[in-house]
Amino acid sequence: MHDLKEHFIDAVELTRLLNRSLTTVHFYRKTGKIPAPTAKLNTVFLWDRKEIEHWYAENNGYYALELDDIEPANDPCFYCEGV
């Protein structure tokens, strides 16, 4: 059996990422301010982790392939590797 956390992110994890309440995350979901969930497991909405990573990076001035590897794109030293 595959690990769901590897492929999906739930609303609770999104609250941590966005620094918003669970109510706000669900409001964002209903109003289209975040990508639509990919799946629903009972009452739990699940988003595609790669899609959220791409959306988050794109909308927050970051370039990253994974959430754990986010680097600021607007930092002048980012491009010159700290020089």
N, C-alpha and C. Protein backbone atom coordinates (compact mmCIF):
# COMPACT_ATOMS: atom_id res chain seq x y z
N MET A 1 0.84 -1.19 0.00
CA MET A 1 0.00 0.00 0.00
C MET A 1 0.89 1.25 0.00
N HIS A 2 0.54 2.20 -0.85
CA HIS A 2 1.36 3.42 -0.94
C HIS A 2 1.01 4.40 0.18
N ASP A 3 1.93 5.28 0.45
CA ASP A 3 1.75 6.27 1.50
C ASP A 3 1.00 7.48 0.93
N LEU A 4 -0.19 7.76 1.43
CA LEU A 4 -0.99 8.89 0.94
C LEU A 4 -0.28 10.21 1.13
N LYS A 5 0.46 10.37 2.23
CA LYS A 5 1.15 11.62 2.51
C LYS A 5 2.20 11.95 1.45
N GLU A 6 2.70 10.93 0.78
CA GLU A 6 3.71 11.14 -0.25
C GLU A 6 3.11 11.83 -1.48
N HIS A 7 1.85 11.54 -1.77
CA HIS A 7 1.22 12.04 -2.98
C HIS A 7 0.16 13.11 -2.74
N PHE A 8 -0.34 13.20 -1.52
CA PHE A 8 -1.44 14.11 -1.22
C PHE A 8 -1.15 14.98 -0.01
N ILE A 9 -1.82 16.12 0.05
CA ILE A 9 -1.75 17.02 1.20
C ILE A 9 -3.19 17.27 1.64
N ASP A 10 -3.43 17.24 2.94
CA ASP A 10 -4.79 17.46 3.43
C ASP A 10 -4.95 18.90 3.93
N ALA A 11 -6.16 19.25 4.33
CA ALA A 11 -6.46 20.62 4.75
C ALA A 11 -5.66 21.03 5.99
N VAL A 12 -5.43 20.09 6.89
CA VAL A 12 -4.67 20.42 8.11
C VAL A 12 -3.24 20.81 7.74
N GLU A 13 -2.63 20.08 6.82
CA GLU A 13 -1.27 20.41 6.39
C GLU A 13 -1.27 21.75 5.63
N LEU A 14 -2.33 22.01 4.87
CA LEU A 14 -2.44 23.29 4.18
C LEU A 14 -2.55 24.45 5.17
N THR A 15 -3.19 24.24 6.30
CA THR A 15 -3.28 25.30 7.31
C THR A 15 -1.90 25.71 7.78
N ARG A 16 -1.03 24.73 7.95
CA ARG A 16 0.35 25.02 8.38
C ARG A 16 1.13 25.73 7.29
N LEU A 17 0.97 25.26 6.07
CA LEU A 17 1.69 25.85 4.94
C LEU A 17 1.27 27.30 4.72
N LEU A 18 -0.03 27.56 4.76
CA LEU A 18 -0.55 28.89 4.47
C LEU A 18 -0.64 29.79 5.71
N ASN A 19 -0.41 29.21 6.88
CA ASN A 19 -0.54 29.94 8.14
C ASN A 19 -1.94 30.56 8.27
N ARG A 20 -2.94 29.73 7.99
CA ARG A 20 -4.34 30.14 8.05
C ARG A 20 -5.11 29.10 8.84
N SER A 21 -6.31 29.45 9.28
CA SER A 21 -7.15 28.52 10.02
C SER A 21 -7.77 27.50 9.07
N LEU A 22 -8.27 26.43 9.63
CA LEU A 22 -8.95 25.41 8.84
C LEU A 22 -10.18 25.99 8.15
N THR A 23 -10.89 26.86 8.83
CA THR A 23 -12.06 27.52 8.24
C THR A 23 -11.64 28.33 7.02
N THR A 24 -10.54 29.05 7.12
CA THR A 24 -10.06 29.86 6.00
C THR A 24 -9.63 28.99 4.83
N VAL A 25 -8.95 27.88 5.10
CA VAL A 25 -8.53 26.97 4.03
C VAL A 25 -9.75 26.45 3.28
N HIS A 26 -10.80 26.08 4.01
CA HIS A 26 -12.00 25.59 3.34
C HIS A 26 -12.73 26.72 2.61
N PHE A 27 -12.66 27.93 3.13
CA PHE A 27 -13.22 29.08 2.40
C PHE A 27 -12.45 29.29 1.10
N TYR A 28 -11.12 29.22 1.16
CA TYR A 28 -10.30 29.34 -0.04
C TYR A 28 -10.64 28.25 -1.05
N ARG A 29 -10.88 27.02 -0.55
CA ARG A 29 -11.25 25.91 -1.43
C ARG A 29 -12.57 26.20 -2.13
N LYS A 30 -13.55 26.65 -1.37
CA LYS A 30 -14.88 26.91 -1.93
C LYS A 30 -14.90 28.08 -2.91
N THR A 31 -14.02 29.06 -2.70
CA THR A 31 -14.01 30.24 -3.55
C THR A 31 -12.96 30.18 -4.66
N GLY A 32 -12.20 29.08 -4.73
CA GLY A 32 -11.23 28.92 -5.79
C GLY A 32 -9.92 29.67 -5.59
N LYS A 33 -9.62 30.09 -4.36
CA LYS A 33 -8.37 30.81 -4.10
C LYS A 33 -7.17 29.86 -4.00
N ILE A 34 -7.45 28.58 -3.88
CA ILE A 34 -6.42 27.55 -3.92
C ILE A 34 -6.86 26.53 -4.96
N PRO A 35 -5.94 25.71 -5.46
CA PRO A 35 -6.35 24.68 -6.42
C PRO A 35 -7.43 23.76 -5.84
N ALA A 36 -8.24 23.23 -6.70
CA ALA A 36 -9.31 22.32 -6.26
C ALA A 36 -8.71 21.01 -5.73
N PRO A 37 -9.34 20.42 -4.74
CA PRO A 37 -8.86 19.13 -4.25
C PRO A 37 -8.92 18.08 -5.36
N THR A 38 -8.02 17.14 -5.29
CA THR A 38 -7.95 16.06 -6.27
C THR A 38 -8.86 14.91 -5.89
N ALA A 39 -9.03 14.70 -4.58
CA ALA A 39 -9.81 13.56 -4.10
C ALA A 39 -10.47 13.90 -2.77
N LYS A 40 -11.39 13.05 -2.39
CA LYS A 40 -12.05 13.19 -1.09
C LYS A 40 -12.13 11.79 -0.50
N LEU A 41 -11.61 11.63 0.70
CA LEU A 41 -11.61 10.36 1.41
C LEU A 41 -12.52 10.52 2.62
N ASN A 42 -13.73 9.98 2.54
CA ASN A 42 -14.79 10.22 3.52
C ASN A 42 -15.08 11.72 3.57
N THR A 43 -14.70 12.39 4.65
CA THR A 43 -14.94 13.84 4.75
C THR A 43 -13.66 14.65 4.59
N VAL A 44 -12.57 14.00 4.24
CA VAL A 44 -11.26 14.66 4.15
C VAL A 44 -10.94 14.98 2.69
N PHE A 45 -10.74 16.27 2.42
CA PHE A 45 -10.32 16.69 1.08
C PHE A 45 -8.82 16.48 0.95
N LEU A 46 -8.39 16.02 -0.21
CA LEU A 46 -6.98 15.78 -0.49
C LEU A 46 -6.58 16.51 -1.76
N TRP A 47 -5.44 17.17 -1.69
CA TRP A 47 -4.89 17.89 -2.84
C TRP A 47 -3.66 17.14 -3.31
N ASP A 48 -3.40 17.21 -4.61
CA ASP A 48 -2.18 16.64 -5.17
C ASP A 48 -0.99 17.44 -4.65
N ARG A 49 -0.07 16.77 -3.99
CA ARG A 49 1.06 17.44 -3.33
C ARG A 49 1.89 18.24 -4.34
N LYS A 50 2.19 17.66 -5.50
CA LYS A 50 3.00 18.36 -6.50
C LYS A 50 2.29 19.61 -7.02
N GLU A 51 0.98 19.52 -7.21
CA GLU A 51 0.22 20.68 -7.68
C GLU A 51 0.24 21.80 -6.65
N ILE A 52 0.08 21.45 -5.38
CA ILE A 52 0.12 22.46 -4.30
C ILE A 52 1.52 23.05 -4.19
N GLU A 53 2.56 22.23 -4.29
CA GLU A 53 3.92 22.73 -4.23
C GLU A 53 4.17 23.75 -5.35
N HIS A 54 3.75 23.41 -6.55
CA HIS A 54 3.92 24.31 -7.69
C HIS A 54 3.10 25.59 -7.49
N TRP A 55 1.85 25.46 -7.09
CA TRP A 55 0.97 26.61 -6.86
C TRP A 55 1.55 27.52 -5.77
N TYR A 56 1.98 26.93 -4.66
CA TYR A 56 2.51 27.71 -3.55
C TYR A 56 3.77 28.48 -3.97
N ALA A 57 4.68 27.79 -4.63
CA ALA A 57 5.92 28.42 -5.07
C ALA A 57 5.63 29.55 -6.04
N GLU A 58 4.76 29.31 -6.98
CA GLU A 58 4.42 30.30 -8.00
C GLU A 58 3.75 31.53 -7.42
N ASN A 59 2.94 31.35 -6.40
CA ASN A 59 2.17 32.44 -5.82
C ASN A 59 2.85 33.13 -4.64
N ASN A 60 4.02 32.67 -4.27
CA ASN A 60 4.72 33.27 -3.13
C ASN A 60 6.14 33.68 -3.45
N GLY A 61 6.45 33.85 -4.73
CA GLY A 61 7.77 34.34 -5.12
C GLY A 61 8.89 33.37 -4.87
N TYR A 62 8.58 32.08 -4.94
CA TYR A 62 9.59 31.06 -4.72
C TYR A 62 9.74 30.21 -5.96
N TYR A 63 10.90 29.59 -6.07
CA TYR A 63 11.10 28.58 -7.09
C TYR A 63 11.49 27.32 -6.33
N ALA A 64 10.72 26.26 -6.52
CA ALA A 64 11.02 25.03 -5.79
C ALA A 64 10.42 23.84 -6.50
N LEU A 65 11.06 22.71 -6.32
CA LEU A 65 10.50 21.46 -6.83
C LEU A 65 9.70 20.75 -5.75
N GLU A 66 10.04 20.99 -4.49
CA GLU A 66 9.33 20.39 -3.38
C GLU A 66 9.24 21.40 -2.25
N LEU A 67 8.22 21.27 -1.41
CA LEU A 67 8.02 22.21 -0.31
C LEU A 67 9.22 22.25 0.63
N ASP A 68 9.89 21.13 0.79
CA ASP A 68 11.04 21.08 1.69
C ASP A 68 12.26 21.79 1.11
N ASP A 69 12.22 22.16 -0.16
CA ASP A 69 13.38 22.71 -0.85
C ASP A 69 13.09 24.11 -1.40
N ILE A 70 12.25 24.89 -0.71
CA ILE A 70 11.85 26.21 -1.20
C ILE A 70 12.98 27.21 -0.99
N GLU A 71 13.28 27.95 -2.03
CA GLU A 71 14.27 29.02 -1.98
C GLU A 71 13.61 30.30 -2.48
N PRO A 72 13.88 31.44 -1.85
CA PRO A 72 13.28 32.69 -2.31
C PRO A 72 13.82 33.12 -3.66
N ALA A 73 12.92 33.39 -4.60
CA ALA A 73 13.33 33.81 -5.94
C ALA A 73 13.64 35.29 -6.00
N ASN A 74 13.15 36.08 -5.03
CA ASN A 74 13.38 37.52 -5.06
C ASN A 74 14.55 37.94 -4.18
N ASP A 75 15.30 37.00 -3.66
CA ASP A 75 16.48 37.29 -2.85
C ASP A 75 17.67 37.47 -3.80
N PRO A 76 18.32 38.66 -3.80
CA PRO A 76 19.42 38.89 -4.73
C PRO A 76 20.55 37.88 -4.57
N CYS A 77 20.77 37.38 -3.38
CA CYS A 77 21.85 36.42 -3.16
C CYS A 77 21.48 35.01 -3.60
N PHE A 78 20.21 34.78 -3.86
CA PHE A 78 19.77 33.48 -4.34
C PHE A 78 20.45 33.17 -5.68
N TYR A 79 20.53 34.17 -6.54
CA TYR A 79 21.10 33.96 -7.88
C TYR A 79 22.61 33.95 -7.87
N CYS A 80 23.22 34.65 -6.92
CA CYS A 80 24.69 34.70 -6.89
C CYS A 80 25.26 33.76 -5.85
N GLU A 81 24.41 32.88 -5.29
CA GLU A 81 24.81 31.89 -4.30
C GLU A 81 25.53 32.54 -3.11
N GLY A 82 24.97 33.66 -2.62
CA GLY A 82 25.49 34.29 -1.42
C GLY A 82 26.69 35.19 -1.62
N VAL A 83 27.13 35.39 -2.84
CA VAL A 83 28.32 36.21 -3.12
C VAL A 83 27.94 37.67 -3.11
